[in-house]
């Protein structure tokens, strides 16, 4: 699977650990930065390129990490076609994909332990969108507002 990663200073360390985990699992990984710890960097600088790549179909899924995961989620959802969410439990990691076709998971580098982050990522990547009519209907409503707001 083609997976993209992005993180600011608050998520840099966790991103690097997730990157190693994904490569060990055989995924094709594209890193959008940060490429070193820099306390002064800003999450939008890394999350927007990741979100654009997901939106354009260059990646299957994305993983964005900042200190809490909230800023990364807010930024990613500004990009048309992205469905990102801050995830802190396995139910949401799976259900977010199955019901809502989530394509970017956001994690908090300062709040999620490394091993648990790997479990959340594994759950996210193993999940598939159900395609059920009710979920497509709901996503259609979201998409119509998204298209209207991006005109």
C-alpha atoms as a PDB file:
ATOM      1  CA  UNK A   1       0.000   0.000   0.000  1.00  0.00           C
ATOM      2  CA  UNK A   2       1.218   3.544  -0.769  1.00  0.00           C
ATOM      3  CA  UNK A   3       1.243   5.447   2.509  1.00  0.00           C
ATOM      4  CA  UNK A   4       2.259   9.052   3.137  1.00  0.00           C
ATOM      5  CA  UNK A   5       3.479  10.493   6.415  1.00  0.00           C
ATOM      6  CA  UNK A   6       3.710  14.040   7.719  1.00  0.00           C
ATOM      7  CA  UNK A   7       4.562  15.544  11.093  1.00  0.00           C
ATOM      8  CA  UNK A   8       5.706  18.714  12.756  1.00  0.00           C
ATOM      9  CA  UNK A   9       8.085  18.864  15.709  1.00  0.00           C
ATOM     10  CA  UNK A  10       5.373  17.586  18.072  1.00  0.00           C
ATOM     11  CA  UNK A  11       4.922  14.441  16.012  1.00  0.00           C
ATOM     12  CA  UNK A  12       8.374  14.033  14.482  1.00  0.00           C
ATOM     13  CA  UNK A  13       9.581  11.258  16.798  1.00  0.00           C
ATOM     14  CA  UNK A  14       6.376   9.220  16.460  1.00  0.00           C
ATOM     15  CA  UNK A  15       6.350   9.704  12.672  1.00  0.00           C
ATOM     16  CA  UNK A  16       9.836   8.243  12.428  1.00  0.00           C
ATOM     17  CA  UNK A  17       8.803   5.189  14.460  1.00  0.00           C
ATOM     18  CA  UNK A  18       5.667   4.715  12.354  1.00  0.00           C
ATOM     19  CA  UNK A  19       7.755   5.048   9.186  1.00  0.00           C
ATOM     20  CA  UNK A  20      10.046   2.221  10.330  1.00  0.00           C
ATOM     21  CA  UNK A  21       7.018   0.097  11.248  1.00  0.00           C
ATOM     22  CA  UNK A  22       5.365   0.658   7.848  1.00  0.00           C
ATOM     23  CA  UNK A  23       8.535  -0.180   5.926  1.00  0.00           C
ATOM     24  CA  UNK A  24       8.984  -3.363   7.972  1.00  0.00           C
ATOM     25  CA  UNK A  25       5.397  -4.292   7.039  1.00  0.00           C
ATOM     26  CA  UNK A  26       6.246  -3.870   3.339  1.00  0.00           C
ATOM     27  CA  UNK A  27       4.408  -0.643   2.597  1.00  0.00           C
ATOM     28  CA  UNK A  28       5.662   1.944   0.121  1.00  0.00           C
ATOM     29  CA  UNK A  29       6.214   5.029   2.267  1.00  0.00           C
ATOM     30  CA  UNK A  30       6.492   8.663   1.191  1.00  0.00           C
ATOM     31  CA  UNK A  31       7.640  11.060   3.892  1.00  0.00           C
ATOM     32  CA  UNK A  32       6.475  14.673   3.541  1.00  0.00           C
ATOM     33  CA  UNK A  33       8.505  15.859   6.524  1.00  0.00           C
ATOM     34  CA  UNK A  34       9.519  17.117   8.893  1.00  0.00           C
ATOM     35  CA  UNK A  35      12.881  15.583   8.127  1.00  0.00           C
ATOM     36  CA  UNK A  36      14.484  16.726  11.365  1.00  0.00           C
ATOM     37  CA  UNK A  37      13.339  18.011  14.717  1.00  0.00           C
ATOM     38  CA  UNK A  38      12.803  21.771  14.554  1.00  0.00           C
ATOM     39  CA  UNK A  39      10.804  23.277  17.411  1.00  0.00           C
ATOM     40  CA  UNK A  40       9.803  26.215  15.217  1.00  0.00           C
ATOM     41  CA  UNK A  41       8.194  24.325  12.347  1.00  0.00           C
ATOM     42  CA  UNK A  42       4.463  24.422  11.536  1.00  0.00           C
ATOM     43  CA  UNK A  43       2.217  21.403  10.880  1.00  0.00           C
ATOM     44  CA  UNK A  44       0.431  22.923   7.831  1.00  0.00           C
ATOM     45  CA  UNK A  45       3.735  22.996   5.941  1.00  0.00           C
ATOM     46  CA  UNK A  46       3.873  19.189   6.062  1.00  0.00           C
ATOM     47  CA  UNK A  47       0.224  18.193   6.305  1.00  0.00           C
ATOM     48  CA  UNK A  48      -0.958  20.108   3.222  1.00  0.00           C
ATOM     49  CA  UNK A  49       1.441  18.325   0.819  1.00  0.00           C
ATOM     50  CA  UNK A  50       0.420  14.972   2.315  1.00  0.00           C
ATOM     51  CA  UNK A  51      -3.289  15.804   2.066  1.00  0.00           C
ATOM     52  CA  UNK A  52      -2.883  17.004  -1.525  1.00  0.00           C
ATOM     53  CA  UNK A  53      -1.158  13.739  -2.471  1.00  0.00           C
ATOM     54  CA  UNK A  54      -3.995  11.716  -0.913  1.00  0.00           C
ATOM     55  CA  UNK A  55      -6.604  13.900  -2.627  1.00  0.00           C
ATOM     56  CA  UNK A  56      -4.873  13.495  -5.999  1.00  0.00           C
ATOM     57  CA  UNK A  57      -4.742   9.705  -5.642  1.00  0.00           C
ATOM     58  CA  UNK A  58      -0.952   9.525  -5.424  1.00  0.00           C
ATOM     59  CA  UNK A  59      -1.280   7.735  -2.076  1.00  0.00           C
ATOM     60  CA  UNK A  60      -3.681   5.106  -0.824  1.00  0.00           C
ATOM     61  CA  UNK A  61      -3.790   6.575   2.683  1.00  0.00           C
ATOM     62  CA  UNK A  62      -2.063   9.146   4.856  1.00  0.00           C
ATOM     63  CA  UNK A  63      -0.876   9.491   8.421  1.00  0.00           C
ATOM     64  CA  UNK A  64      -0.462  12.963   9.930  1.00  0.00           C
ATOM     65  CA  UNK A  65       1.068  13.558  13.344  1.00  0.00           C
ATOM     66  CA  UNK A  66       1.372  16.704  15.406  1.00  0.00           C
ATOM     67  CA  UNK A  67       1.560  17.192  19.163  1.00  0.00           C
ATOM     68  CA  UNK A  68      -2.123  16.502  19.818  1.00  0.00           C
ATOM     69  CA  UNK A  69      -3.255  15.399  16.338  1.00  0.00           C
ATOM     70  CA  UNK A  70      -5.880  18.140  16.330  1.00  0.00           C
ATOM     71  CA  UNK A  71      -4.030  20.698  14.217  1.00  0.00           C
ATOM     72  CA  UNK A  72      -3.068  18.045  11.679  1.00  0.00           C
ATOM     73  CA  UNK A  73      -6.714  16.982  11.436  1.00  0.00           C
ATOM     74  CA  UNK A  74      -7.974  20.531  10.979  1.00  0.00           C
ATOM     75  CA  UNK A  75      -5.390  21.255   8.271  1.00  0.00           C
ATOM     76  CA  UNK A  76      -5.886  17.995   6.375  1.00  0.00           C
ATOM     77  CA  UNK A  77      -9.649  18.485   6.211  1.00  0.00           C
ATOM     78  CA  UNK A  78      -9.197  21.801   4.383  1.00  0.00           C
ATOM     79  CA  UNK A  79      -8.068  19.870   1.298  1.00  0.00           C
ATOM     80  CA  UNK A  80     -10.827  18.808  -1.084  1.00  0.00           C
ATOM     81  CA  UNK A  81     -11.348  15.048  -1.082  1.00  0.00           C
ATOM     82  CA  UNK A  82      -9.682  14.432   2.260  1.00  0.00           C
ATOM     83  CA  UNK A  83     -11.512  12.755   5.100  1.00  0.00           C
ATOM     84  CA  UNK A  84      -9.187  12.981   8.087  1.00  0.00           C
ATOM     85  CA  UNK A  85      -9.824  12.358  11.760  1.00  0.00           C
ATOM     86  CA  UNK A  86      -7.977  12.397  15.035  1.00  0.00           C
ATOM     87  CA  UNK A  87      -8.049   8.795  16.210  1.00  0.00           C
ATOM     88  CA  UNK A  88      -7.309   7.546  19.715  1.00  0.00           C
ATOM     89  CA  UNK A  89      -8.944   4.088  19.709  1.00  0.00           C
ATOM     90  CA  UNK A  90      -9.094   1.045  17.455  1.00  0.00           C
ATOM     91  CA  UNK A  91     -12.871   1.169  16.984  1.00  0.00           C
ATOM     92  CA  UNK A  92     -12.604   4.647  15.442  1.00  0.00           C
ATOM     93  CA  UNK A  93      -9.571   3.666  13.353  1.00  0.00           C
ATOM     94  CA  UNK A  94     -11.613   0.876  11.762  1.00  0.00           C
ATOM     95  CA  UNK A  95     -15.062   2.464  11.737  1.00  0.00           C
ATOM     96  CA  UNK A  96     -13.721   5.724  10.300  1.00  0.00           C
ATOM     97  CA  UNK A  97     -12.699   3.839   7.189  1.00  0.00           C
ATOM     98  CA  UNK A  98     -15.584   1.357   7.015  1.00  0.00           C
ATOM     99  CA  UNK A  99     -18.364   3.928   7.424  1.00  0.00           C
ATOM    100  CA  UNK A 100     -16.816   7.291   6.524  1.00  0.00           C
ATOM    101  CA  UNK A 101     -14.109   6.311   4.029  1.00  0.00           C
ATOM    102  CA  UNK A 102     -11.457   8.103   6.130  1.00  0.00           C
ATOM    103  CA  UNK A 103      -8.265   8.406   4.115  1.00  0.00           C
ATOM    104  CA  UNK A 104      -5.976  10.166   6.605  1.00  0.00           C
ATOM    105  CA  UNK A 105      -5.531   9.187  10.228  1.00  0.00           C
ATOM    106  CA  UNK A 106      -4.260  11.880  12.588  1.00  0.00           C
ATOM    107  CA  UNK A 107      -2.350  11.037  15.728  1.00  0.00           C
ATOM    108  CA  UNK A 108      -0.996  12.985  18.671  1.00  0.00           C
ATOM    109  CA  UNK A 109       2.724  12.492  19.084  1.00  0.00           C
ATOM    110  CA  UNK A 110       2.541  13.731  22.652  1.00  0.00           C
ATOM    111  CA  UNK A 111      -0.477  11.655  23.662  1.00  0.00           C
ATOM    112  CA  UNK A 112      -0.246   8.248  21.939  1.00  0.00           C
ATOM    113  CA  UNK A 113       2.344   5.656  22.951  1.00  0.00           C
ATOM    114  CA  UNK A 114       4.493   4.238  20.138  1.00  0.00           C
ATOM    115  CA  UNK A 115       3.206   0.667  20.338  1.00  0.00           C
ATOM    116  CA  UNK A 116      -0.417   1.800  20.531  1.00  0.00           C
ATOM    117  CA  UNK A 117       0.135   4.122  17.548  1.00  0.00           C
ATOM    118  CA  UNK A 118       1.312   1.105  15.548  1.00  0.00           C
ATOM    119  CA  UNK A 119      -1.893  -0.739  16.488  1.00  0.00           C
ATOM    120  CA  UNK A 120      -4.029   2.243  15.447  1.00  0.00           C
ATOM    121  CA  UNK A 121      -2.187   2.496  12.119  1.00  0.00           C
ATOM    122  CA  UNK A 122      -2.478  -1.267  11.508  1.00  0.00           C
ATOM    123  CA  UNK A 123      -6.220  -1.143  12.219  1.00  0.00           C
ATOM    124  CA  UNK A 124      -6.644   1.896   9.928  1.00  0.00           C
ATOM    125  CA  UNK A 125      -4.740   0.290   7.063  1.00  0.00           C
ATOM    126  CA  UNK A 126      -6.523  -3.069   7.312  1.00  0.00           C
ATOM    127  CA  UNK A 127      -9.984  -1.498   7.198  1.00  0.00           C
ATOM    128  CA  UNK A 128     -11.961  -1.093   3.988  1.00  0.00           C
ATOM    129  CA  UNK A 129     -14.862   1.183   3.110  1.00  0.00           C
ATOM    130  CA  UNK A 130     -18.108  -0.796   3.270  1.00  0.00           C
ATOM    131  CA  UNK A 131     -19.722   1.015   0.345  1.00  0.00           C
ATOM    132  CA  UNK A 132     -23.154   0.565   1.921  1.00  0.00           C
ATOM    133  CA  UNK A 133     -25.872   2.797   0.515  1.00  0.00           C
ATOM    134  CA  UNK A 134     -26.366   4.722   3.766  1.00  0.00           C
ATOM    135  CA  UNK A 135     -22.668   5.518   4.001  1.00  0.00           C
ATOM    136  CA  UNK A 136     -22.468   6.592   0.357  1.00  0.00           C
ATOM    137  CA  UNK A 137     -25.576   8.754   0.865  1.00  0.00           C
ATOM    138  CA  UNK A 138     -24.033  10.480   3.878  1.00  0.00           C
ATOM    139  CA  UNK A 139     -20.695  10.987   2.147  1.00  0.00           C
ATOM    140  CA  UNK A 140     -22.559  12.385  -0.861  1.00  0.00           C
ATOM    141  CA  UNK A 141     -24.042  15.066   1.363  1.00  0.00           C
ATOM    142  CA  UNK A 142     -20.602  15.922   2.715  1.00  0.00           C
ATOM    143  CA  UNK A 143     -19.129  15.987  -0.784  1.00  0.00           C
ATOM    144  CA  UNK A 144     -21.830  18.340  -2.086  1.00  0.00           C
ATOM    145  CA  UNK A 145     -20.995  20.883   0.614  1.00  0.00           C
ATOM    146  CA  UNK A 146     -17.279  20.388  -0.006  1.00  0.00           C
ATOM    147  CA  UNK A 147     -17.701  21.033  -3.737  1.00  0.00           C
ATOM    148  CA  UNK A 148     -19.847  24.106  -3.081  1.00  0.00           C
ATOM    149  CA  UNK A 149     -17.270  25.514  -0.657  1.00  0.00           C
ATOM    150  CA  UNK A 150     -14.362  24.911  -3.045  1.00  0.00           C
ATOM    151  CA  UNK A 151     -15.921  26.660  -6.052  1.00  0.00           C
END
